[in-house]
N, C-alpha and C. Protein backbone atom coordinates (compact mmCIF):
# COMPACT_ATOMS: atom_id res chain seq x y z
N UNK A 1 0.85 -1.20 0.00
CA UNK A 1 0.00 0.00 0.00
C UNK A 1 0.88 1.24 0.00
N UNK A 2 0.57 2.17 -0.90
CA UNK A 2 1.28 3.44 -0.93
C UNK A 2 0.46 4.49 -0.19
N UNK A 3 1.14 5.43 0.42
CA UNK A 3 0.48 6.42 1.26
C UNK A 3 0.65 7.82 0.67
N UNK A 4 -0.48 8.50 0.47
CA UNK A 4 -0.48 9.86 -0.06
C UNK A 4 -0.98 10.81 1.02
N UNK A 5 -0.20 11.85 1.30
CA UNK A 5 -0.57 12.83 2.32
C UNK A 5 -0.80 14.18 1.65
N UNK A 6 -1.98 14.76 1.85
CA UNK A 6 -2.34 16.06 1.30
C UNK A 6 -2.28 17.10 2.42
N UNK A 7 -1.65 18.23 2.13
CA UNK A 7 -1.51 19.30 3.12
C UNK A 7 -2.25 20.55 2.68
N UNK A 8 -3.02 21.11 3.59
CA UNK A 8 -3.57 22.44 3.40
C UNK A 8 -2.40 23.43 3.41
N UNK A 9 -2.61 24.64 2.89
CA UNK A 9 -1.54 25.64 2.85
C UNK A 9 -1.67 26.65 3.99
N UNK A 10 -2.67 27.53 3.92
CA UNK A 10 -2.84 28.58 4.92
C UNK A 10 -3.22 27.98 6.27
N UNK A 11 -2.42 28.27 7.29
CA UNK A 11 -2.71 27.77 8.62
C UNK A 11 -2.16 26.39 8.90
N UNK A 12 -1.53 25.79 7.89
CA UNK A 12 -0.93 24.47 8.06
C UNK A 12 0.54 24.48 7.68
N UNK A 13 0.83 25.01 6.50
CA UNK A 13 2.22 25.15 6.07
C UNK A 13 2.76 26.55 6.36
N UNK A 14 1.90 27.56 6.16
CA UNK A 14 2.35 28.94 6.37
C UNK A 14 1.34 29.75 7.20
N UNK A 15 1.89 30.74 7.90
CA UNK A 15 1.08 31.70 8.64
C UNK A 15 0.83 32.89 7.71
N UNK A 16 -0.35 32.95 7.16
CA UNK A 16 -0.66 33.90 6.09
C UNK A 16 -1.64 34.99 6.52
N UNK A 17 -1.83 35.16 7.83
CA UNK A 17 -2.85 36.09 8.31
C UNK A 17 -2.61 37.52 7.80
N UNK A 18 -1.38 38.00 7.86
CA UNK A 18 -1.11 39.39 7.48
C UNK A 18 -1.54 39.68 6.05
N UNK A 19 -1.08 38.87 5.10
CA UNK A 19 -1.38 39.12 3.70
C UNK A 19 -2.85 38.98 3.36
N UNK A 20 -3.48 37.96 3.92
CA UNK A 20 -4.90 37.73 3.63
C UNK A 20 -5.77 38.81 4.27
N UNK A 21 -5.50 39.11 5.53
CA UNK A 21 -6.34 40.10 6.23
C UNK A 21 -6.20 41.49 5.62
N UNK A 22 -4.98 41.88 5.28
CA UNK A 22 -4.77 43.20 4.68
C UNK A 22 -5.42 43.29 3.30
N UNK A 23 -5.44 42.20 2.57
CA UNK A 23 -6.06 42.20 1.24
C UNK A 23 -7.58 42.24 1.35
N UNK A 24 -8.13 41.58 2.36
CA UNK A 24 -9.58 41.66 2.60
C UNK A 24 -9.96 43.09 2.98
N UNK A 25 -9.19 43.69 3.88
CA UNK A 25 -9.48 45.06 4.30
C UNK A 25 -9.34 46.04 3.14
N UNK A 26 -8.40 45.80 2.27
CA UNK A 26 -8.23 46.64 1.07
C UNK A 26 -9.50 46.61 0.23
N UNK A 27 -10.04 45.40 0.02
CA UNK A 27 -11.25 45.26 -0.79
C UNK A 27 -12.46 45.91 -0.11
N UNK A 28 -12.60 45.68 1.18
CA UNK A 28 -13.73 46.23 1.93
C UNK A 28 -13.68 47.76 1.94
N UNK A 29 -12.46 48.29 2.15
CA UNK A 29 -12.29 49.75 2.16
C UNK A 29 -12.64 50.36 0.80
N UNK A 30 -12.20 49.72 -0.26
CA UNK A 30 -12.46 50.22 -1.61
C UNK A 30 -13.96 50.27 -1.90
N UNK A 31 -14.69 49.33 -1.32
CA UNK A 31 -16.14 49.26 -1.56
C UNK A 31 -16.92 50.10 -0.54
N UNK A 32 -16.23 50.69 0.42
CA UNK A 32 -16.89 51.56 1.39
C UNK A 32 -17.72 50.84 2.42
N UNK A 33 -17.36 49.59 2.72
CA UNK A 33 -18.10 48.82 3.73
C UNK A 33 -17.33 48.80 5.04
N UNK A 34 -18.02 48.57 6.15
CA UNK A 34 -17.34 48.52 7.45
C UNK A 34 -16.30 47.40 7.50
N UNK A 35 -15.23 47.65 8.23
CA UNK A 35 -14.19 46.63 8.38
C UNK A 35 -14.66 45.53 9.33
N UNK A 36 -14.40 44.28 9.00
CA UNK A 36 -14.75 43.18 9.91
C UNK A 36 -13.78 43.15 11.09
N UNK A 37 -14.15 42.44 12.12
CA UNK A 37 -13.31 42.30 13.31
C UNK A 37 -12.12 41.39 13.00
N UNK A 38 -11.10 41.46 13.84
CA UNK A 38 -9.96 40.56 13.70
C UNK A 38 -10.38 39.10 13.83
N UNK A 39 -11.37 38.86 14.69
CA UNK A 39 -11.88 37.50 14.87
C UNK A 39 -12.47 36.98 13.55
N UNK A 40 -13.24 37.83 12.88
CA UNK A 40 -13.83 37.39 11.61
C UNK A 40 -12.75 37.24 10.54
N UNK A 41 -11.75 38.10 10.56
CA UNK A 41 -10.65 37.99 9.59
C UNK A 41 -9.93 36.66 9.76
N UNK A 42 -9.75 36.21 10.98
CA UNK A 42 -9.12 34.90 11.21
C UNK A 42 -10.03 33.79 10.70
N UNK A 43 -11.32 33.95 10.89
CA UNK A 43 -12.27 32.96 10.39
C UNK A 43 -12.18 32.83 8.87
N UNK A 44 -11.84 33.93 8.19
CA UNK A 44 -11.80 33.95 6.72
C UNK A 44 -10.66 33.12 6.14
N UNK A 45 -9.72 32.73 6.98
CA UNK A 45 -8.60 31.92 6.48
C UNK A 45 -9.00 30.46 6.55
N UNK A 46 -9.36 29.93 5.42
CA UNK A 46 -9.84 28.55 5.35
C UNK A 46 -10.94 28.40 4.32
N UNK A 47 -12.10 29.02 4.55
CA UNK A 47 -13.18 28.93 3.57
C UNK A 47 -12.89 29.79 2.34
N UNK A 48 -13.64 29.54 1.30
CA UNK A 48 -13.49 30.32 0.07
C UNK A 48 -13.91 31.76 0.29
N UNK A 49 -13.24 32.69 -0.39
CA UNK A 49 -13.64 34.10 -0.36
C UNK A 49 -15.06 34.28 -0.86
N UNK A 50 -15.49 33.40 -1.76
CA UNK A 50 -16.85 33.47 -2.29
C UNK A 50 -17.89 33.16 -1.20
N UNK A 51 -17.44 32.53 -0.12
CA UNK A 51 -18.34 32.23 1.01
C UNK A 51 -18.28 33.31 2.08
N UNK A 52 -17.14 33.97 2.23
CA UNK A 52 -16.98 34.95 3.32
C UNK A 52 -17.30 36.39 2.91
N UNK A 53 -16.96 36.77 1.67
CA UNK A 53 -17.23 38.15 1.26
C UNK A 53 -18.72 38.51 1.26
N UNK A 54 -19.64 37.58 0.92
CA UNK A 54 -21.06 37.97 0.98
C UNK A 54 -21.49 38.49 2.34
N UNK A 55 -20.89 37.98 3.42
CA UNK A 55 -21.23 38.44 4.76
C UNK A 55 -20.68 39.83 5.03
N UNK A 56 -19.66 40.23 4.27
CA UNK A 56 -19.04 41.54 4.50
C UNK A 56 -19.58 42.62 3.57
N UNK A 57 -19.86 42.25 2.30
CA UNK A 57 -20.25 43.26 1.32
C UNK A 57 -21.55 42.94 0.59
N UNK A 58 -22.12 41.76 0.85
CA UNK A 58 -23.34 41.37 0.14
C UNK A 58 -23.05 40.54 -1.10
N UNK A 59 -24.02 39.75 -1.50
CA UNK A 59 -23.85 38.86 -2.65
C UNK A 59 -23.52 39.63 -3.93
N UNK A 60 -24.18 40.78 -4.12
CA UNK A 60 -24.05 41.50 -5.39
C UNK A 60 -22.66 42.10 -5.58
N UNK A 61 -21.93 42.32 -4.50
CA UNK A 61 -20.58 42.91 -4.61
C UNK A 61 -19.47 41.89 -4.37
N UNK A 62 -19.83 40.63 -4.19
CA UNK A 62 -18.82 39.62 -3.86
C UNK A 62 -17.77 39.46 -4.94
N UNK A 63 -18.18 39.34 -6.19
CA UNK A 63 -17.21 39.16 -7.27
C UNK A 63 -16.27 40.36 -7.35
N UNK A 64 -16.80 41.57 -7.21
CA UNK A 64 -15.96 42.76 -7.23
C UNK A 64 -15.00 42.76 -6.06
N UNK A 65 -15.47 42.33 -4.89
CA UNK A 65 -14.61 42.26 -3.71
C UNK A 65 -13.48 41.25 -3.91
N UNK A 66 -13.80 40.11 -4.49
CA UNK A 66 -12.78 39.10 -4.76
C UNK A 66 -11.72 39.65 -5.71
N UNK A 67 -12.15 40.35 -6.74
CA UNK A 67 -11.21 40.94 -7.70
C UNK A 67 -10.33 42.00 -7.05
N UNK A 68 -10.91 42.81 -6.16
CA UNK A 68 -10.13 43.82 -5.44
C UNK A 68 -9.13 43.15 -4.49
N UNK A 69 -9.59 42.11 -3.83
CA UNK A 69 -8.69 41.33 -2.96
C UNK A 69 -7.48 40.84 -3.75
N UNK A 70 -7.75 40.27 -4.91
CA UNK A 70 -6.66 39.72 -5.73
C UNK A 70 -5.74 40.83 -6.24
N UNK A 71 -6.30 42.00 -6.45
CA UNK A 71 -5.50 43.13 -6.92
C UNK A 71 -4.34 43.39 -5.95
N UNK A 72 -4.64 43.36 -4.67
CA UNK A 72 -3.59 43.58 -3.68
C UNK A 72 -2.80 42.31 -3.38
N UNK A 73 -3.53 41.18 -3.23
CA UNK A 73 -2.87 39.94 -2.84
C UNK A 73 -1.84 39.51 -3.88
N UNK A 74 -2.21 39.61 -5.16
CA UNK A 74 -1.30 39.17 -6.21
C UNK A 74 -0.05 40.05 -6.30
N UNK A 75 -0.16 41.29 -5.83
CA UNK A 75 0.97 42.21 -5.89
C UNK A 75 1.89 42.06 -4.68
N UNK A 76 1.31 42.01 -3.49
CA UNK A 76 2.13 42.01 -2.28
C UNK A 76 1.64 41.04 -1.20
N UNK A 77 0.33 40.78 -1.15
CA UNK A 77 -0.22 39.97 -0.06
C UNK A 77 0.33 38.57 0.02
N UNK A 78 0.63 37.98 -1.13
CA UNK A 78 1.09 36.59 -1.14
C UNK A 78 2.42 36.41 -0.41
N UNK A 79 3.25 37.46 -0.37
CA UNK A 79 4.55 37.33 0.30
C UNK A 79 4.53 37.90 1.72
N UNK A 80 3.38 38.44 2.17
CA UNK A 80 3.22 38.82 3.58
C UNK A 80 2.81 37.55 4.33
N UNK A 81 3.74 36.67 4.50
CA UNK A 81 3.47 35.28 4.79
C UNK A 81 4.76 34.66 5.32
N UNK A 82 4.67 33.62 6.11
CA UNK A 82 5.90 32.96 6.57
C UNK A 82 5.60 31.50 6.91
N UNK A 83 6.54 30.62 6.62
CA UNK A 83 6.35 29.21 6.99
C UNK A 83 6.34 29.06 8.51
N UNK A 84 5.56 28.14 9.00
CA UNK A 84 5.58 27.85 10.44
C UNK A 84 6.93 27.26 10.83
N UNK A 85 7.38 27.61 12.01
CA UNK A 85 8.65 27.10 12.50
C UNK A 85 8.62 25.57 12.56
N UNK A 86 9.58 24.96 11.93
CA UNK A 86 9.68 23.50 11.96
C UNK A 86 8.97 22.79 10.82
N UNK A 87 8.28 23.54 9.97
CA UNK A 87 7.49 22.86 8.92
C UNK A 87 8.40 22.23 7.86
N UNK A 88 9.50 22.89 7.51
CA UNK A 88 10.41 22.28 6.53
C UNK A 88 10.97 20.95 7.04
N UNK A 89 11.36 20.95 8.30
CA UNK A 89 11.90 19.72 8.90
C UNK A 89 10.83 18.63 8.95
N UNK A 90 9.60 19.02 9.25
CA UNK A 90 8.50 18.05 9.32
C UNK A 90 8.24 17.44 7.95
N UNK A 91 8.17 18.27 6.93
CA UNK A 91 7.92 17.78 5.57
C UNK A 91 9.05 16.87 5.11
N UNK A 92 10.27 17.26 5.40
CA UNK A 92 11.42 16.44 5.01
C UNK A 92 11.37 15.07 5.67
N UNK A 93 11.04 15.05 6.95
CA UNK A 93 10.97 13.80 7.70
C UNK A 93 9.87 12.89 7.15
N UNK A 94 8.72 13.47 6.85
CA UNK A 94 7.60 12.67 6.34
C UNK A 94 7.92 12.13 4.95
N UNK A 95 8.48 12.97 4.10
CA UNK A 95 8.85 12.53 2.75
C UNK A 95 9.93 11.45 2.80
N UNK A 96 10.91 11.61 3.69
CA UNK A 96 11.99 10.64 3.81
C UNK A 96 11.49 9.29 4.32
N UNK A 97 10.34 9.31 5.00
CA UNK A 97 9.77 8.06 5.51
C UNK A 97 9.02 7.28 4.43
N UNK A 98 8.96 7.84 3.22
CA UNK A 98 8.36 7.12 2.10
C UNK A 98 6.96 7.54 1.71
N UNK A 99 6.42 8.56 2.38
CA UNK A 99 5.10 9.07 2.03
C UNK A 99 5.22 10.00 0.82
N UNK A 100 4.18 10.04 -0.02
CA UNK A 100 4.13 10.97 -1.14
C UNK A 100 3.25 12.14 -0.73
N UNK A 101 3.78 13.35 -0.89
CA UNK A 101 3.12 14.55 -0.38
C UNK A 101 2.54 15.41 -1.49
N UNK A 102 1.39 16.02 -1.17
CA UNK A 102 0.71 16.94 -2.08
C UNK A 102 0.22 18.15 -1.29
N UNK A 103 -0.04 19.24 -1.99
CA UNK A 103 -0.73 20.39 -1.40
C UNK A 103 -2.15 20.40 -1.93
N UNK A 104 -3.12 20.65 -1.05
CA UNK A 104 -4.52 20.79 -1.46
C UNK A 104 -5.10 22.00 -0.74
N UNK A 105 -5.29 23.09 -1.47
CA UNK A 105 -5.72 24.35 -0.88
C UNK A 105 -6.84 24.98 -1.70
N UNK A 106 -7.75 25.67 -1.02
CA UNK A 106 -8.80 26.39 -1.74
C UNK A 106 -8.27 27.70 -2.33
N UNK A 107 -7.05 28.06 -1.98
CA UNK A 107 -6.40 29.22 -2.59
C UNK A 107 -6.19 28.96 -4.07
N UNK A 108 -6.25 29.98 -4.94
CA UNK A 108 -5.96 29.75 -6.35
C UNK A 108 -4.64 29.03 -6.55
N UNK A 109 -4.66 28.02 -7.39
CA UNK A 109 -3.49 27.17 -7.60
C UNK A 109 -2.25 27.97 -7.99
N UNK A 110 -2.42 28.97 -8.86
CA UNK A 110 -1.28 29.76 -9.32
C UNK A 110 -0.60 30.45 -8.13
N UNK A 111 -1.39 31.02 -7.22
CA UNK A 111 -0.81 31.66 -6.04
C UNK A 111 -0.17 30.64 -5.11
N UNK A 112 -0.82 29.49 -4.97
CA UNK A 112 -0.27 28.44 -4.11
C UNK A 112 1.08 27.97 -4.64
N UNK A 113 1.17 27.77 -5.94
CA UNK A 113 2.44 27.35 -6.56
C UNK A 113 3.53 28.39 -6.27
N UNK A 114 3.18 29.66 -6.40
CA UNK A 114 4.16 30.73 -6.19
C UNK A 114 4.65 30.74 -4.75
N UNK A 115 3.74 30.54 -3.80
CA UNK A 115 4.11 30.53 -2.39
C UNK A 115 4.98 29.32 -2.06
N UNK A 116 4.61 28.17 -2.56
CA UNK A 116 5.39 26.95 -2.32
C UNK A 116 6.80 27.11 -2.87
N UNK A 117 6.92 27.69 -4.06
CA UNK A 117 8.24 27.92 -4.64
C UNK A 117 9.03 28.95 -3.83
N UNK A 118 8.37 30.05 -3.45
CA UNK A 118 9.03 31.14 -2.74
C UNK A 118 9.64 30.67 -1.42
N UNK A 119 8.93 29.80 -0.73
CA UNK A 119 9.42 29.31 0.56
C UNK A 119 10.17 27.98 0.45
N UNK A 120 10.56 27.63 -0.76
CA UNK A 120 11.44 26.49 -1.03
C UNK A 120 10.87 25.17 -0.50
N UNK A 121 9.55 24.98 -0.68
CA UNK A 121 8.91 23.74 -0.28
C UNK A 121 8.68 22.79 -1.46
N UNK A 122 8.93 23.25 -2.65
CA UNK A 122 8.64 22.46 -3.84
C UNK A 122 9.25 21.05 -3.81
N UNK A 123 10.48 20.86 -3.33
CA UNK A 123 11.06 19.51 -3.35
C UNK A 123 10.27 18.47 -2.57
N UNK A 124 9.46 18.90 -1.63
CA UNK A 124 8.74 17.94 -0.80
C UNK A 124 7.45 17.43 -1.47
N UNK A 125 6.93 18.18 -2.43
CA UNK A 125 5.60 17.89 -2.95
C UNK A 125 5.62 17.36 -4.38
N UNK A 126 4.79 16.35 -4.58
CA UNK A 126 4.63 15.77 -5.90
C UNK A 126 3.83 16.70 -6.81
N UNK A 127 2.81 17.36 -6.21
CA UNK A 127 1.94 18.22 -7.01
C UNK A 127 1.17 19.16 -6.09
N UNK A 128 0.80 20.32 -6.62
CA UNK A 128 0.01 21.30 -5.88
C UNK A 128 -1.39 21.39 -6.50
N UNK A 129 -2.40 21.14 -5.69
CA UNK A 129 -3.79 21.26 -6.13
C UNK A 129 -4.41 22.49 -5.49
N UNK A 130 -5.10 23.29 -6.28
CA UNK A 130 -5.76 24.48 -5.76
C UNK A 130 -6.96 24.83 -6.61
N UNK A 131 -7.61 25.93 -6.26
CA UNK A 131 -8.78 26.38 -7.02
C UNK A 131 -8.34 27.14 -8.26
N UNK A 132 -9.30 27.46 -9.10
CA UNK A 132 -9.05 28.29 -10.28
C UNK A 132 -9.70 29.65 -10.04
N UNK A 133 -9.30 30.64 -10.82
CA UNK A 133 -9.78 32.00 -10.60
C UNK A 133 -11.28 32.15 -10.88
N UNK A 134 -11.87 31.19 -11.59
CA UNK A 134 -13.32 31.26 -11.84
C UNK A 134 -14.13 30.65 -10.70
N UNK A 135 -13.44 30.21 -9.64
CA UNK A 135 -14.14 29.64 -8.49
C UNK A 135 -14.19 28.13 -8.47
N UNK A 136 -13.72 27.47 -9.52
CA UNK A 136 -13.70 26.02 -9.58
C UNK A 136 -12.79 25.45 -8.49
N UNK A 137 -13.27 24.43 -7.80
CA UNK A 137 -12.51 23.71 -6.77
C UNK A 137 -12.22 24.54 -5.52
N UNK A 138 -13.03 25.57 -5.23
CA UNK A 138 -12.81 26.30 -3.97
C UNK A 138 -13.34 25.50 -2.79
N UNK A 139 -14.29 24.60 -3.02
CA UNK A 139 -14.82 23.74 -1.97
C UNK A 139 -13.84 22.58 -1.75
N UNK A 140 -13.43 22.36 -0.51
CA UNK A 140 -12.39 21.36 -0.22
C UNK A 140 -12.85 19.95 -0.56
N UNK A 141 -14.13 19.66 -0.41
CA UNK A 141 -14.62 18.33 -0.79
C UNK A 141 -14.44 18.11 -2.27
N UNK A 142 -14.82 19.08 -3.08
CA UNK A 142 -14.68 18.98 -4.53
C UNK A 142 -13.22 18.95 -4.95
N UNK A 143 -12.41 19.76 -4.28
CA UNK A 143 -10.99 19.82 -4.62
C UNK A 143 -10.31 18.47 -4.40
N UNK A 144 -10.57 17.85 -3.27
CA UNK A 144 -9.95 16.57 -2.97
C UNK A 144 -10.47 15.47 -3.88
N UNK A 145 -11.74 15.52 -4.21
CA UNK A 145 -12.29 14.56 -5.18
C UNK A 145 -11.55 14.68 -6.51
N UNK A 146 -11.34 15.92 -6.95
CA UNK A 146 -10.62 16.16 -8.20
C UNK A 146 -9.17 15.65 -8.10
N UNK A 147 -8.52 15.93 -6.98
CA UNK A 147 -7.13 15.51 -6.81
C UNK A 147 -7.01 13.99 -6.87
N UNK A 148 -7.94 13.28 -6.23
CA UNK A 148 -7.91 11.82 -6.24
C UNK A 148 -8.14 11.30 -7.65
N UNK A 149 -9.06 11.92 -8.37
CA UNK A 149 -9.33 11.49 -9.75
C UNK A 149 -8.13 11.73 -10.66
N UNK A 150 -7.36 12.76 -10.37
CA UNK A 150 -6.18 13.08 -11.16
C UNK A 150 -5.05 12.07 -10.96
N UNK A 151 -5.02 11.43 -9.79
CA UNK A 151 -3.98 10.45 -9.50
C UNK A 151 -4.66 9.17 -9.01
N UNK A 152 -5.29 8.44 -9.92
CA UNK A 152 -6.02 7.23 -9.53
C UNK A 152 -5.06 6.11 -9.13
N UNK A 153 -5.58 5.21 -8.35
CA UNK A 153 -4.77 4.06 -7.94
C UNK A 153 -5.15 3.62 -6.55
N UNK A 154 -4.53 2.53 -6.10
CA UNK A 154 -4.81 1.99 -4.78
C UNK A 154 -3.85 2.63 -3.77
N UNK A 155 -4.29 3.75 -3.23
CA UNK A 155 -3.48 4.48 -2.26
C UNK A 155 -4.29 4.69 -0.98
N UNK A 156 -3.59 4.69 0.13
CA UNK A 156 -4.21 5.09 1.39
C UNK A 156 -3.89 6.58 1.55
N UNK A 157 -4.91 7.40 1.78
CA UNK A 157 -4.73 8.85 1.73
C UNK A 157 -5.12 9.52 3.05
N UNK A 158 -4.43 10.62 3.33
CA UNK A 158 -4.76 11.45 4.51
C UNK A 158 -4.73 12.91 4.10
N UNK A 159 -5.50 13.73 4.83
CA UNK A 159 -5.53 15.17 4.61
C UNK A 159 -5.15 15.84 5.92
N UNK A 160 -4.13 16.72 5.86
CA UNK A 160 -3.66 17.45 7.04
C UNK A 160 -4.08 18.91 6.92
N UNK A 161 -4.82 19.42 7.88
CA UNK A 161 -5.26 20.81 7.80
C UNK A 161 -5.72 21.36 9.13
N UNK A 162 -5.90 22.69 9.17
CA UNK A 162 -6.22 23.36 10.43
C UNK A 162 -7.68 23.71 10.62
N UNK A 163 -8.51 23.49 9.59
CA UNK A 163 -9.90 23.91 9.68
C UNK A 163 -10.85 22.73 9.45
N UNK A 164 -12.11 22.95 9.82
CA UNK A 164 -13.12 21.91 9.66
C UNK A 164 -13.30 21.51 8.20
N UNK A 165 -13.04 22.45 7.29
CA UNK A 165 -13.22 22.16 5.86
C UNK A 165 -12.25 21.07 5.41
N UNK A 166 -11.06 21.05 6.00
CA UNK A 166 -10.08 20.01 5.68
C UNK A 166 -10.55 18.65 6.18
N UNK A 167 -11.06 18.64 7.40
CA UNK A 167 -11.56 17.39 7.99
C UNK A 167 -12.76 16.88 7.22
N UNK A 168 -13.71 17.75 6.94
CA UNK A 168 -14.92 17.36 6.21
C UNK A 168 -14.57 16.89 4.81
N UNK A 169 -13.62 17.56 4.17
CA UNK A 169 -13.20 17.16 2.82
C UNK A 169 -12.57 15.79 2.84
N UNK A 170 -11.76 15.53 3.86
CA UNK A 170 -11.12 14.22 3.98
C UNK A 170 -12.15 13.11 4.17
N UNK A 171 -13.04 13.31 5.12
CA UNK A 171 -14.03 12.28 5.43
C UNK A 171 -14.92 12.00 4.23
N UNK A 172 -15.33 13.04 3.51
CA UNK A 172 -16.19 12.87 2.34
C UNK A 172 -15.51 12.09 1.22
N UNK A 173 -14.17 12.07 1.24
CA UNK A 173 -13.43 11.39 0.18
C UNK A 173 -12.66 10.17 0.70
N UNK A 174 -13.13 9.64 1.84
CA UNK A 174 -12.54 8.42 2.42
C UNK A 174 -11.05 8.55 2.68
N UNK A 175 -10.64 9.72 3.16
CA UNK A 175 -9.26 9.97 3.54
C UNK A 175 -9.17 10.06 5.06
N UNK A 176 -7.99 9.82 5.61
CA UNK A 176 -7.79 9.97 7.05
C UNK A 176 -7.69 11.46 7.38
N UNK A 177 -8.53 11.99 8.24
CA UNK A 177 -8.44 13.41 8.61
C UNK A 177 -7.46 13.64 9.75
N UNK A 178 -6.50 14.52 9.52
CA UNK A 178 -5.51 14.86 10.54
C UNK A 178 -5.54 16.38 10.74
N UNK A 179 -5.87 16.82 11.93
CA UNK A 179 -5.94 18.25 12.20
C UNK A 179 -4.63 18.79 12.76
N UNK A 180 -4.44 20.09 12.61
CA UNK A 180 -3.34 20.78 13.30
C UNK A 180 -3.95 21.93 14.09
N UNK A 181 -3.51 22.06 15.33
CA UNK A 181 -4.15 23.04 16.22
C UNK A 181 -3.39 24.36 16.30
N UNK A 182 -2.28 24.48 15.57
CA UNK A 182 -1.49 25.71 15.62
C UNK A 182 -1.91 26.73 14.57
N UNK A 183 -2.90 26.39 13.74
CA UNK A 183 -3.34 27.28 12.67
C UNK A 183 -4.51 28.16 13.09
N UNK A 184 -5.54 28.25 12.23
CA UNK A 184 -6.62 29.20 12.45
C UNK A 184 -7.91 28.58 12.97
N UNK A 185 -7.94 27.27 13.04
CA UNK A 185 -9.08 26.60 13.64
C UNK A 185 -8.79 26.29 15.10
N UNK A 186 -9.73 25.67 15.77
CA UNK A 186 -9.54 25.28 17.17
C UNK A 186 -9.63 23.77 17.28
N UNK A 187 -9.16 23.25 18.41
CA UNK A 187 -9.28 21.82 18.65
C UNK A 187 -10.75 21.41 18.65
N UNK A 188 -11.60 22.24 19.25
CA UNK A 188 -13.03 21.95 19.29
C UNK A 188 -13.61 21.88 17.88
N UNK A 189 -13.23 22.82 17.03
CA UNK A 189 -13.72 22.82 15.64
C UNK A 189 -13.31 21.54 14.92
N UNK A 190 -12.07 21.13 15.10
CA UNK A 190 -11.56 19.93 14.43
C UNK A 190 -12.25 18.67 14.93
N UNK A 191 -12.43 18.58 16.24
CA UNK A 191 -13.09 17.41 16.82
C UNK A 191 -14.55 17.34 16.37
N UNK A 192 -15.24 18.48 16.40
CA UNK A 192 -16.64 18.51 15.98
C UNK A 192 -16.80 18.13 14.51
N UNK A 193 -15.77 18.42 13.72
CA UNK A 193 -15.84 18.09 12.28
C UNK A 193 -15.59 16.61 12.03
N UNK A 194 -14.96 15.93 13.01
CA UNK A 194 -14.83 14.48 12.85
C UNK A 194 -13.47 13.86 13.06
N UNK A 195 -12.52 14.60 13.65
CA UNK A 195 -11.21 13.96 13.91
C UNK A 195 -10.74 14.25 15.33
N UNK A 196 -10.08 13.26 15.92
CA UNK A 196 -9.40 13.48 17.20
C UNK A 196 -7.90 13.24 17.03
N UNK A 197 -7.47 13.11 15.76
CA UNK A 197 -6.05 13.00 15.46
C UNK A 197 -5.56 14.40 15.13
N UNK A 198 -4.90 15.04 16.11
CA UNK A 198 -4.58 16.47 16.00
C UNK A 198 -3.13 16.71 16.43
N UNK A 199 -2.37 17.37 15.56
CA UNK A 199 -0.98 17.72 15.85
C UNK A 199 -0.93 19.13 16.44
N UNK A 200 -0.20 19.27 17.53
CA UNK A 200 -0.11 20.58 18.19
C UNK A 200 1.01 21.44 17.62
N UNK A 201 1.87 20.86 16.81
CA UNK A 201 2.98 21.59 16.18
C UNK A 201 3.42 20.84 14.94
N UNK A 202 4.16 21.50 14.02
CA UNK A 202 4.66 20.79 12.85
C UNK A 202 5.47 19.55 13.21
N UNK A 203 6.22 19.62 14.31
CA UNK A 203 7.05 18.49 14.71
C UNK A 203 6.23 17.24 15.05
N UNK A 204 4.95 17.44 15.37
CA UNK A 204 4.09 16.32 15.76
C UNK A 204 3.36 15.68 14.58
N UNK A 205 3.43 16.29 13.40
CA UNK A 205 2.61 15.81 12.27
C UNK A 205 2.98 14.39 11.87
N UNK A 206 4.27 14.08 11.77
CA UNK A 206 4.67 12.75 11.34
C UNK A 206 4.10 11.68 12.25
N UNK A 207 4.19 11.91 13.55
CA UNK A 207 3.64 10.95 14.52
C UNK A 207 2.14 10.75 14.31
N UNK A 208 1.42 11.84 14.04
CA UNK A 208 -0.03 11.74 13.84
C UNK A 208 -0.36 11.04 12.52
N UNK A 209 0.47 11.26 11.51
CA UNK A 209 0.29 10.56 10.23
C UNK A 209 0.46 9.06 10.45
N UNK A 210 1.52 8.67 11.13
CA UNK A 210 1.77 7.25 11.38
C UNK A 210 0.66 6.64 12.23
N UNK A 211 0.16 7.41 13.19
CA UNK A 211 -0.93 6.94 14.03
C UNK A 211 -2.21 6.74 13.22
N UNK A 212 -2.50 7.69 12.33
CA UNK A 212 -3.72 7.60 11.52
C UNK A 212 -3.70 6.38 10.62
N UNK A 213 -2.57 6.07 10.05
CA UNK A 213 -2.49 4.94 9.13
C UNK A 213 -2.38 3.61 9.84
N UNK A 214 -2.05 3.62 11.11
CA UNK A 214 -1.91 2.36 11.84
C UNK A 214 -3.23 1.86 12.38
N UNK A 215 -4.27 2.71 12.28
CA UNK A 215 -5.58 2.35 12.86
C UNK A 215 -6.11 1.06 12.26
N UNK A 216 -6.01 0.93 10.94
CA UNK A 216 -6.58 -0.24 10.27
C UNK A 216 -5.51 -1.14 9.66
N UNK A 217 -4.30 -1.01 10.16
CA UNK A 217 -3.22 -1.84 9.59
C UNK A 217 -2.51 -2.61 10.71
């Protein structure tokens, strides 16, 4: 049996709050709407912008808000970002143990590729899966379904992420859900979504991966 591990990007591989929050505020300011709270801005890291902007600017201005967000994010927001301490070592250790690694993020694939390259994570990953600018694959369930279809075969798969969307996407696609509690979700959110396999730091991910796969082996 071969093992495929999919990693979320924001809140799992990198701390992207600064770039994402500033780009959201840029869009909201341009449209003349009230600024959301910091708590809501943290909530926005994980779900699709198409799901969060309607609550800030209304359905009719969502597409314009997304375009304004990208105007800033594509220029500077993507690099207002930093890898979590220990994540390179964690990825190296997991890859060296024989697991095949992928990225699966609702962020546009082009931006995800750029971030992975910028922070020198490319050697660890076989492929980067993300959404498209037209909104395709922004839902984590759909994204993971697409990723599995792109690489068919008899593989045991796991999804590592910090939000309920990662857990729900994994469960819907018969993958092992592995949460991380150092990102933007909470332990309660991850447990309620369906997993009690949770890493408290990047250094703990390998152990949780091995634990998840040993359940039925």
